[in-house]
Amino acid sequence: MSLRSVSNQPAISPGGKDSPVDSAAPSTPSASGEDEIIVIAKEGDIVLHIEHDIGERQSACRLRVSSRKLADVSKYFARLLQPGRFGEGERVDTELKSLREKYPSIAEAPATELPVISLQDLGRISTVKSISPLCTDMLYMLHGNDLAATPPLTNLANLAIVADRFDALIAAAEYANRKKLIRTIDGKTTPKIDTNLTQEKVRQRLLVAVLFNYSPWIEKYSARLIIRGWVGNEVETTLPLWWDLPSRFEEELLCRREYMLDAVQSVQAHFLSLYSSRERQCKLGYDSSAQCDSFQLGEMIRFFMRIGTLKLQGVVYDATEPPEPYSGDVYSLLDAMQQVPEYQIDKNHHHCGIRTRIIPLIDTLRESISHIGICFEYWTTSWSQYAWMEAKQPLLWRKQNYRLKATSHETLHANVRGLFMAAERDWSI
């Protein structure tokens, strides 16, 4: 960052047009050229010259702003502009003293004579045609000015990233809450649209929620990523921040996904173990009961192999690679498991298979998975006790002792975590 005099370029007030950010009109019109100065505050006493690399090109803009207002809402600018702490602060103070001797007030000083602070990099935003509309909206928010319209989701996510970059999240979040920016986006999202949101849109919503402390979106969309398997992928650092969520969210999402899959697999293992044990599962007492158990075990294995949840593998020697974990929607997996037929060895054997026994267990999993999202209240207030990746694994979980209804919010989360994280699970009813 450096402070320097700006070349004689005309200052403009909002009134022109510029390229949109992600096809959305900027809240305030900006300059047609990057060397012109956008007026955010008429009484502004400094000019920000902001540059950001977009691929192989660079985009830049200049904006007249109030140093006092920025210092009030941004720790970054408060430190930067503090006289005696950095050279920029000292030089800004010196140049402003000269301007006060020259003009009755700083508001009357031309923008071309104001001290300039150069800033590099807006953070991991998405690719935009120009940073001018984005910077204009961001600085309007920090100055408390109204935006012309609610920013689309991608723009709002980019604004949150820039606010984080300049340590102004509290002010930006308060503005978003006061102007109901997130609620407006929510109100325009029908259930059908919400169900069909792409992974990128879900991640954008979750990033906005995390940075702006909007808890309804955090629990809802963190669960969506976990359930649909949109976690655990390595991403390039050049991609926008929503592909690499901050605050260890990515680690926690992957951790919960893995424990969830382990719990689902334990139901399958439970029945395979029962029907391959010495304990008789056919309770009818016929001479054919032993054959019935063998028949049910064989049909069960065939069914699980057919839906792709089981693979027979030799233990004497096997050079094949272990299978990749299931990467799809876990609700689709549960739906497939629930389709197991009611196999009968003959007409005398009814309900000897696993269908009537597995459905209640799948219902338990389905209800528990609906609570697998991250609760932001506990994440921020008691992270070390709440985060699954930091918790100790319970040794044993029993279905008979499991309750979700008529429990406190804290107990509900603890019970769900106990089910999914248990080292062993007893699914006996």
Protein backbone atom coordinates (compact mmCIF):
# COMPACT_ATOMS: atom_id res chain seq x y z
CA MET A 1 0.00 0.00 0.00
CA SER A 2 1.27 3.48 -0.77
CA LEU A 3 0.14 7.06 -0.60
CA ARG A 4 0.67 9.24 -3.62
CA SER A 5 -0.77 12.23 -5.41
CA VAL A 6 -3.39 11.51 -8.00
CA SER A 7 -3.13 12.78 -11.54
CA ASN A 8 -5.58 15.45 -12.62
CA GLN A 9 -8.64 13.40 -13.48
CA PRO A 10 -12.25 14.55 -13.25
CA ALA A 11 -14.22 13.45 -10.22
CA ILE A 12 -17.71 12.18 -10.91
CA SER A 13 -20.77 11.72 -8.79
CA PRO A 14 -22.99 8.68 -9.40
CA GLY A 15 -24.72 9.12 -12.70
CA GLY A 16 -22.84 7.19 -15.37
CA LYS A 17 -22.84 3.51 -16.30
CA ASP A 18 -20.38 0.68 -15.95
CA SER A 19 -20.01 -3.03 -16.56
CA PRO A 20 -22.13 -5.13 -14.20
CA VAL A 21 -20.82 -7.57 -11.64
CA ASP A 22 -22.09 -11.03 -12.56
CA SER A 23 -24.75 -9.52 -14.83
CA ALA A 24 -26.28 -7.43 -12.05
CA ALA A 25 -26.58 -3.68 -12.30
CA PRO A 26 -24.37 -1.84 -9.81
CA SER A 27 -26.16 -0.11 -6.97
CA THR A 28 -24.59 3.18 -7.90
CA PRO A 29 -23.49 4.15 -11.40
CA SER A 30 -19.77 4.50 -11.80
CA ALA A 31 -17.21 5.90 -14.17
CA SER A 32 -16.69 4.83 -17.74
CA GLY A 33 -12.91 4.91 -17.28
CA GLU A 34 -10.77 3.40 -14.57
CA ASP A 35 -8.86 6.69 -14.02
CA GLU A 36 -11.98 8.64 -13.09
CA ILE A 37 -13.03 8.99 -9.47
CA ILE A 38 -16.34 7.65 -8.15
CA VAL A 39 -17.81 9.78 -5.38
CA ILE A 40 -19.00 7.62 -2.49
CA ALA A 41 -19.02 10.48 0.02
CA LYS A 42 -19.15 14.12 -1.14
CA GLU A 43 -17.36 15.14 2.05
CA GLY A 44 -14.79 12.39 1.52
CA ASP A 45 -11.24 13.30 2.41
CA ILE A 46 -9.27 10.49 0.71
CA VAL A 47 -9.32 8.57 -2.55
CA LEU A 48 -8.93 4.80 -2.60
CA HIS A 49 -7.15 3.43 -5.64
CA ILE A 50 -8.05 -0.28 -5.66
CA GLU A 51 -6.48 -2.84 -7.97
CA HIS A 52 -7.33 -6.52 -8.37
CA ASP A 53 -5.92 -9.15 -10.69
CA ILE A 54 -8.56 -10.96 -12.76
CA GLY A 55 -6.82 -13.78 -14.56
CA GLU A 56 -4.12 -12.24 -16.71
CA ARG A 57 -5.57 -8.74 -16.61
CA GLN A 58 -5.92 -6.14 -13.89
CA SER A 59 -9.01 -4.15 -12.99
CA ALA A 60 -8.82 -0.91 -11.03
CA CYS A 61 -11.05 1.88 -9.76
CA ARG A 62 -10.81 5.08 -7.73
CA LEU A 63 -13.34 6.15 -5.14
CA ARG A 64 -13.72 9.24 -2.95
CA VAL A 65 -14.50 8.10 0.59
CA SER A 66 -14.59 9.34 4.16
CA SER A 67 -11.59 8.16 6.17
CA ARG A 68 -13.47 8.73 9.42
CA LYS A 69 -16.39 6.53 8.42
CA LEU A 70 -14.11 3.78 7.14
CA ALA A 71 -12.03 3.86 10.33
CA ASP A 72 -15.23 3.60 12.40
CA VAL A 73 -16.41 0.40 10.70
CA SER A 74 -13.17 -1.27 9.59
CA LYS A 75 -10.29 -2.27 11.85
CA TYR A 76 -8.16 -2.54 8.72
CA PHE A 77 -8.67 1.11 7.80
CA ALA A 78 -8.52 2.22 11.43
CA ARG A 79 -5.01 0.77 11.73
CA LEU A 80 -3.94 1.90 8.28
CA LEU A 81 -5.02 5.52 8.77
CA GLN A 82 -3.83 5.92 12.34
CA PRO A 83 -1.13 8.64 12.39
CA GLY A 84 2.16 7.36 13.71
CA ARG A 85 1.41 3.70 13.07
CA PHE A 86 1.96 3.50 9.32
CA GLY A 87 3.49 5.89 6.83
CA GLU A 88 0.14 6.18 5.04
CA GLY A 89 -1.54 7.61 8.11
CA GLU A 90 1.18 10.18 8.63
CA ARG A 91 1.12 11.34 5.03
CA VAL A 92 -2.68 11.48 4.88
CA ASP A 93 -2.67 13.63 8.01
CA THR A 94 -0.01 15.95 6.56
CA GLU A 95 -1.76 16.37 3.20
CA LEU A 96 -5.14 17.00 4.82
CA LYS A 97 -3.65 19.76 6.97
CA SER A 98 -2.44 21.46 3.80
CA LEU A 99 -5.86 21.12 2.17
CA ARG A 100 -7.61 22.62 5.21
CA GLU A 101 -5.41 25.69 4.87
CA LYS A 102 -6.30 25.93 1.19
CA TYR A 103 -10.08 25.27 1.35
CA PRO A 104 -12.80 26.27 3.84
CA SER A 105 -13.67 22.57 4.19
CA ILE A 106 -12.40 19.29 2.79
CA ALA A 107 -15.78 18.82 1.09
CA GLU A 108 -14.90 21.73 -1.22
CA ALA A 109 -11.55 20.24 -2.18
CA PRO A 110 -11.53 18.59 -5.63
CA ALA A 111 -11.15 14.82 -5.53
CA THR A 112 -8.08 15.20 -7.73
CA GLU A 113 -6.23 16.93 -4.89
CA LEU A 114 -7.09 14.49 -2.13
CA PRO A 115 -4.51 12.06 -0.74
CA VAL A 116 -4.65 8.66 -2.43
CA ILE A 117 -4.23 5.27 -0.80
CA SER A 118 -3.49 2.35 -3.09
CA LEU A 119 -4.91 -1.05 -2.16
CA GLN A 120 -4.11 -4.37 -3.80
CA ASP A 121 -6.35 -7.45 -3.94
CA LEU A 122 -10.00 -7.75 -2.91
CA GLY A 123 -9.73 -11.34 -1.72
CA ARG A 124 -10.91 -14.56 -3.35
CA ILE A 125 -13.86 -13.15 -5.27
CA SER A 126 -15.27 -14.64 -8.46
CA THR A 127 -14.26 -13.44 -11.91
CA VAL A 128 -15.93 -10.12 -12.73
CA LYS A 129 -15.75 -7.81 -15.74
CA SER A 130 -14.83 -4.85 -13.55
CA ILE A 131 -14.30 -4.39 -9.83
CA SER A 132 -15.81 -0.91 -9.94
CA PRO A 133 -19.46 -1.89 -9.22
CA LEU A 134 -18.35 -4.30 -6.48
CA CYS A 135 -16.16 -1.72 -4.75
CA THR A 136 -18.85 0.92 -5.14
CA ASP A 137 -21.48 -1.27 -3.47
CA MET A 138 -19.09 -2.31 -0.71
CA LEU A 139 -18.10 1.24 0.17
CA TYR A 140 -21.69 2.42 -0.04
CA MET A 141 -22.58 -0.24 2.54
CA LEU A 142 -19.71 0.81 4.82
CA HIS A 143 -20.80 4.45 4.56
CA GLY A 144 -24.38 3.50 5.41
CA ASN A 145 -25.76 4.57 2.04
CA ASP A 146 -28.66 2.75 0.41
CA LEU A 147 -28.02 0.39 -2.48
CA ALA A 148 -30.25 0.85 -5.50
CA ALA A 149 -31.37 -2.80 -5.40
CA THR A 150 -30.79 -6.02 -3.50
CA PRO A 151 -27.58 -7.58 -4.83
CA PRO A 152 -27.98 -11.02 -6.41
CA LEU A 153 -26.56 -13.93 -4.44
CA THR A 154 -23.19 -14.05 -6.22
CA ASN A 155 -22.71 -10.31 -5.72
CA LEU A 156 -23.65 -10.58 -2.05
CA ALA A 157 -21.12 -13.39 -1.59
CA ASN A 158 -18.44 -11.27 -3.26
CA LEU A 159 -19.37 -8.32 -1.04
CA ALA A 160 -18.98 -10.53 2.03
CA ILE A 161 -15.53 -11.62 0.83
CA VAL A 162 -14.41 -8.02 0.31
CA ALA A 163 -15.81 -7.02 3.72
CA ASP A 164 -13.81 -9.85 5.28
CA ARG A 165 -10.70 -8.75 3.38
CA PHE A 166 -10.92 -5.27 4.93
CA ASP A 167 -12.02 -6.46 8.39
CA ALA A 168 -15.42 -4.82 8.12
CA LEU A 169 -17.70 -7.83 8.49
CA ILE A 170 -19.61 -6.49 11.49
CA ALA A 171 -20.66 -3.34 9.65
CA ALA A 172 -21.46 -5.21 6.43
CA ALA A 173 -23.47 -7.84 8.31
CA GLU A 174 -25.42 -5.16 10.19
CA TYR A 175 -26.19 -3.44 6.91
CA ALA A 176 -27.31 -6.72 5.29
CA ASN A 177 -29.53 -7.46 8.28
CA ARG A 178 -30.97 -3.95 8.46
CA LYS A 179 -31.78 -3.91 4.75
CA LYS A 180 -32.99 -7.54 4.82
CA LEU A 181 -30.73 -8.48 1.91
CA ILE A 182 -30.65 -12.19 2.77
CA ARG A 183 -34.35 -12.36 3.57
CA THR A 184 -35.13 -10.76 0.21
CA ILE A 185 -33.15 -13.45 -1.61
CA ASP A 186 -34.88 -16.09 0.50
CA GLY A 187 -38.29 -14.64 -0.33
CA LYS A 188 -37.62 -14.98 -4.05
CA THR A 189 -36.54 -18.61 -3.70
CA THR A 190 -39.43 -21.01 -4.19
CA PRO A 191 -39.21 -24.55 -2.74
CA LYS A 192 -38.64 -25.91 -6.25
CA ILE A 193 -35.79 -23.46 -6.91
CA ASP A 194 -34.28 -24.20 -3.51
CA THR A 195 -34.33 -27.96 -4.08
CA ASN A 196 -32.58 -27.56 -7.44
CA LEU A 197 -29.84 -25.17 -6.31
CA THR A 198 -26.45 -26.11 -7.71
CA GLN A 199 -23.52 -26.85 -5.43
CA GLU A 200 -22.05 -23.42 -6.19
CA LYS A 201 -25.25 -21.61 -5.21
CA VAL A 202 -25.51 -23.64 -2.00
CA ARG A 203 -21.90 -22.83 -1.16
CA GLN A 204 -22.45 -19.13 -1.89
CA ARG A 205 -25.38 -19.08 0.52
CA LEU A 206 -23.39 -20.88 3.19
CA LEU A 207 -20.44 -18.49 2.83
CA VAL A 208 -22.73 -15.45 3.13
CA ALA A 209 -24.36 -17.01 6.19
CA VAL A 210 -21.01 -17.78 7.84
CA LEU A 211 -19.52 -14.34 7.24
CA PHE A 212 -22.73 -12.44 8.03
CA ASN A 213 -23.79 -14.69 10.95
CA TYR A 214 -27.11 -15.75 9.42
CA SER A 215 -27.85 -18.96 11.32
CA PRO A 216 -30.90 -20.29 9.35
CA TRP A 217 -28.81 -20.65 6.20
CA ILE A 218 -25.85 -22.14 8.06
CA GLU A 219 -27.67 -25.17 9.44
CA LYS A 220 -29.78 -25.68 6.32
CA TYR A 221 -27.09 -25.44 3.67
CA SER A 222 -24.30 -27.11 5.63
CA ALA A 223 -26.65 -30.10 5.91
CA ARG A 224 -27.31 -29.90 2.15
CA LEU A 225 -23.58 -30.13 1.37
CA ILE A 226 -23.11 -33.06 3.77
CA ILE A 227 -26.13 -35.01 2.55
CA ARG A 228 -25.41 -34.56 -1.16
CA GLY A 229 -21.72 -35.36 -0.86
CA TRP A 230 -20.52 -31.92 -1.97
CA VAL A 231 -17.56 -32.00 0.41
CA GLY A 232 -13.98 -33.21 0.59
CA ASN A 233 -12.75 -32.02 -2.81
CA GLU A 234 -9.40 -30.31 -3.18
CA VAL A 235 -9.76 -26.90 -4.81
CA GLU A 236 -7.38 -24.42 -6.38
CA THR A 237 -6.64 -21.31 -4.35
CA THR A 238 -7.59 -19.26 -7.40
CA LEU A 239 -11.23 -20.31 -7.05
CA PRO A 240 -13.69 -18.10 -5.12
CA LEU A 241 -13.74 -18.47 -1.35
CA TRP A 242 -17.07 -20.33 -1.31
CA TRP A 243 -15.27 -23.36 -2.78
CA ASP A 244 -12.99 -23.40 0.27
CA LEU A 245 -15.14 -22.28 3.21
CA PRO A 246 -13.26 -20.58 6.07
CA SER A 247 -13.28 -21.22 9.84
CA ARG A 248 -12.55 -24.96 9.36
CA PHE A 249 -16.03 -25.49 7.93
CA GLU A 250 -14.70 -27.73 5.15
CA GLU A 251 -13.06 -30.05 7.67
CA GLU A 252 -16.19 -30.26 9.78
CA LEU A 253 -18.45 -30.91 6.79
CA LEU A 254 -16.24 -33.77 5.60
CA CYS A 255 -16.00 -35.19 9.12
CA ARG A 256 -19.79 -35.29 9.47
CA ARG A 257 -20.21 -36.81 6.02
CA GLU A 258 -17.84 -39.67 6.85
CA TYR A 259 -19.50 -40.43 10.18
CA MET A 260 -22.92 -40.32 8.52
CA LEU A 261 -21.89 -42.86 5.86
CA ASP A 262 -20.41 -45.09 8.55
CA ALA A 263 -23.73 -45.05 10.40
CA VAL A 264 -25.66 -45.95 7.24
CA GLN A 265 -23.28 -48.80 6.53
CA SER A 266 -23.66 -50.07 10.09
CA VAL A 267 -27.35 -50.86 9.43
CA GLN A 268 -26.38 -53.10 6.53
CA ALA A 269 -23.63 -54.71 8.62
CA HIS A 270 -26.12 -55.26 11.46
CA PHE A 271 -28.38 -57.49 9.37
CA LEU A 272 -25.54 -59.30 7.62
CA SER A 273 -24.14 -60.14 11.04
CA LEU A 274 -27.50 -61.31 12.39
CA TYR A 275 -28.27 -63.65 9.51
CA SER A 276 -24.76 -65.10 9.36
CA SER A 277 -24.68 -65.80 13.11
CA ARG A 278 -25.74 -68.97 14.94
CA GLU A 279 -28.80 -67.21 16.34
CA ARG A 280 -31.96 -68.27 14.51
CA GLN A 281 -33.73 -65.32 12.84
CA CYS A 282 -36.72 -67.24 11.49
CA LYS A 283 -38.99 -67.53 14.52
CA LEU A 284 -41.67 -69.74 12.99
CA GLY A 285 -40.20 -72.96 14.39
CA TYR A 286 -40.48 -74.97 11.18
CA ASP A 287 -37.98 -77.60 10.19
CA SER A 288 -37.13 -75.29 7.31
CA SER A 289 -36.24 -72.32 9.56
CA ALA A 290 -32.49 -72.89 9.18
CA GLN A 291 -32.85 -72.99 5.40
CA CYS A 292 -34.99 -69.84 5.63
CA ASP A 293 -32.18 -67.94 7.35
CA SER A 294 -29.69 -69.07 4.71
CA PHE A 295 -32.10 -68.09 1.96
CA GLN A 296 -32.64 -64.65 3.49
CA LEU A 297 -28.89 -64.11 3.88
CA GLY A 298 -28.26 -64.99 0.25
CA GLU A 299 -31.05 -62.76 -1.04
CA MET A 300 -29.89 -59.93 1.23
CA ILE A 301 -26.35 -60.14 -0.15
CA ARG A 302 -27.65 -60.16 -3.71
CA PHE A 303 -29.83 -57.11 -3.00
CA PHE A 304 -27.08 -55.05 -1.36
CA MET A 305 -24.67 -55.92 -4.18
CA ARG A 306 -27.27 -54.93 -6.75
CA ILE A 307 -27.79 -51.45 -5.26
CA GLY A 308 -24.02 -51.00 -4.91
CA THR A 309 -23.66 -50.93 -1.12
CA LEU A 310 -21.83 -54.25 -0.76
CA LYS A 311 -18.84 -55.82 -2.47
CA LEU A 312 -17.58 -59.36 -1.87
CA GLN A 313 -13.82 -59.32 -1.48
CA GLY A 314 -11.38 -62.11 -0.74
CA VAL A 315 -9.01 -61.86 2.22
CA VAL A 316 -6.38 -64.41 1.12
CA TYR A 317 -4.96 -62.01 -1.43
CA ASP A 318 -6.52 -59.02 -3.16
CA ALA A 319 -4.57 -56.59 -5.32
CA THR A 320 -7.56 -54.38 -6.12
CA GLU A 321 -7.87 -50.87 -4.78
CA PRO A 322 -10.41 -50.32 -1.99
CA PRO A 323 -13.67 -48.82 -3.28
CA GLU A 324 -14.24 -45.08 -3.08
CA PRO A 325 -16.75 -43.92 -0.45
CA TYR A 326 -20.29 -43.34 -1.65
CA SER A 327 -20.37 -39.86 -3.19
CA GLY A 328 -24.06 -39.36 -3.92
CA ASP A 329 -27.12 -38.09 -2.08
CA VAL A 330 -27.49 -40.11 1.11
CA TYR A 331 -31.29 -39.83 0.97
CA SER A 332 -31.18 -41.59 -2.41
CA LEU A 333 -29.07 -44.29 -0.78
CA LEU A 334 -31.61 -44.74 2.02
CA ASP A 335 -34.43 -44.87 -0.53
CA ALA A 336 -32.60 -47.66 -2.37
CA MET A 337 -32.02 -49.64 0.84
CA GLN A 338 -35.67 -49.24 1.78
CA GLN A 339 -36.72 -50.99 -1.44
CA VAL A 340 -35.50 -54.38 -0.20
CA PRO A 341 -38.24 -56.93 -1.03
CA GLU A 342 -39.96 -59.19 1.49
CA TYR A 343 -38.29 -62.41 0.35
CA GLN A 344 -40.04 -65.74 1.15
CA ILE A 345 -38.50 -69.19 0.89
CA ASP A 346 -42.01 -70.63 0.56
CA LYS A 347 -45.63 -69.68 1.19
CA ASN A 348 -45.45 -70.63 4.87
CA HIS A 349 -42.75 -68.12 5.74
CA HIS A 350 -43.96 -64.56 6.23
CA HIS A 351 -41.91 -61.57 7.47
CA CYS A 352 -38.75 -63.63 7.94
CA GLY A 353 -36.60 -61.19 5.97
CA ILE A 354 -35.23 -57.79 6.84
CA ARG A 355 -37.78 -55.53 5.18
CA THR A 356 -40.05 -55.00 8.17
CA ARG A 357 -37.01 -54.72 10.45
CA ILE A 358 -34.87 -52.35 8.39
CA ILE A 359 -37.52 -49.71 7.64
CA PRO A 360 -37.74 -48.40 11.26
CA LEU A 361 -33.95 -48.15 11.37
CA ILE A 362 -33.85 -46.23 8.09
CA ASP A 363 -36.54 -43.91 9.44
CA THR A 364 -34.33 -43.27 12.47
CA LEU A 365 -31.39 -42.47 10.23
CA ARG A 366 -33.48 -40.23 8.01
CA GLU A 367 -34.77 -38.22 10.96
CA SER A 368 -31.29 -37.95 12.48
CA ILE A 369 -29.70 -36.85 9.20
CA SER A 370 -32.15 -33.94 9.05
CA HIS A 371 -30.30 -32.55 12.10
CA ILE A 372 -26.77 -33.12 10.79
CA GLY A 373 -26.19 -29.50 9.76
CA ILE A 374 -23.91 -27.19 11.74
CA CYS A 375 -25.69 -25.21 14.44
CA PHE A 376 -24.02 -21.81 14.32
CA GLU A 377 -24.98 -20.95 17.90
CA TYR A 378 -22.91 -23.77 19.35
CA TRP A 379 -20.24 -23.45 16.66
CA THR A 380 -19.48 -19.89 17.77
CA THR A 381 -20.03 -20.19 21.53
CA SER A 382 -18.65 -23.64 22.36
CA TRP A 383 -16.73 -24.83 19.32
CA SER A 384 -14.38 -27.24 21.11
CA GLN A 385 -17.32 -29.06 22.74
CA TYR A 386 -19.61 -28.98 19.70
CA ALA A 387 -17.35 -29.65 16.69
CA TRP A 388 -17.43 -33.31 15.67
CA MET A 389 -13.83 -33.26 14.47
CA GLU A 390 -12.73 -32.33 18.01
CA ALA A 391 -15.05 -34.65 19.95
CA LYS A 392 -14.17 -38.04 21.41
CA GLN A 393 -15.94 -41.03 19.88
CA PRO A 394 -18.55 -42.67 22.09
CA LEU A 395 -17.73 -46.36 22.51
CA LEU A 396 -21.27 -47.72 22.09
CA TRP A 397 -24.63 -46.39 20.91
CA ARG A 398 -27.89 -48.28 21.49
CA LYS A 399 -31.05 -47.84 19.46
CA GLN A 400 -33.20 -48.66 22.49
CA ASN A 401 -31.93 -45.57 24.35
CA TYR A 402 -32.15 -43.15 21.43
CA ARG A 403 -34.52 -40.18 21.63
CA LEU A 404 -34.85 -37.05 19.50
CA LYS A 405 -38.30 -35.78 20.36
CA ALA A 406 -39.11 -33.93 23.59
CA THR A 407 -35.46 -33.07 24.16
CA SER A 408 -33.70 -29.74 24.54
CA HIS A 409 -31.84 -28.22 21.62
CA GLU A 410 -28.50 -29.06 23.20
CA THR A 411 -29.53 -32.64 23.98
CA LEU A 412 -30.81 -33.15 20.44
CA HIS A 413 -27.44 -32.21 18.97
CA ALA A 414 -25.63 -34.39 21.50
CA ASN A 415 -27.86 -37.39 20.73
CA VAL A 416 -27.43 -37.01 16.97
CA ARG A 417 -23.68 -36.75 17.36
CA GLY A 418 -23.68 -39.82 19.61
CA LEU A 419 -25.43 -41.90 16.94
CA PHE A 420 -23.18 -40.91 14.07
CA MET A 421 -19.87 -40.86 15.91
CA ALA A 422 -20.22 -44.09 17.91
CA ALA A 423 -17.45 -46.64 17.48
CA GLU A 424 -20.07 -49.41 17.69
CA ARG A 425 -23.83 -49.34 17.22
CA ASP A 426 -26.43 -51.73 18.56
CA TRP A 427 -29.45 -51.51 16.26
CA SER A 428 -31.49 -54.08 18.19
CA ILE A 429 -34.99 -52.87 18.93
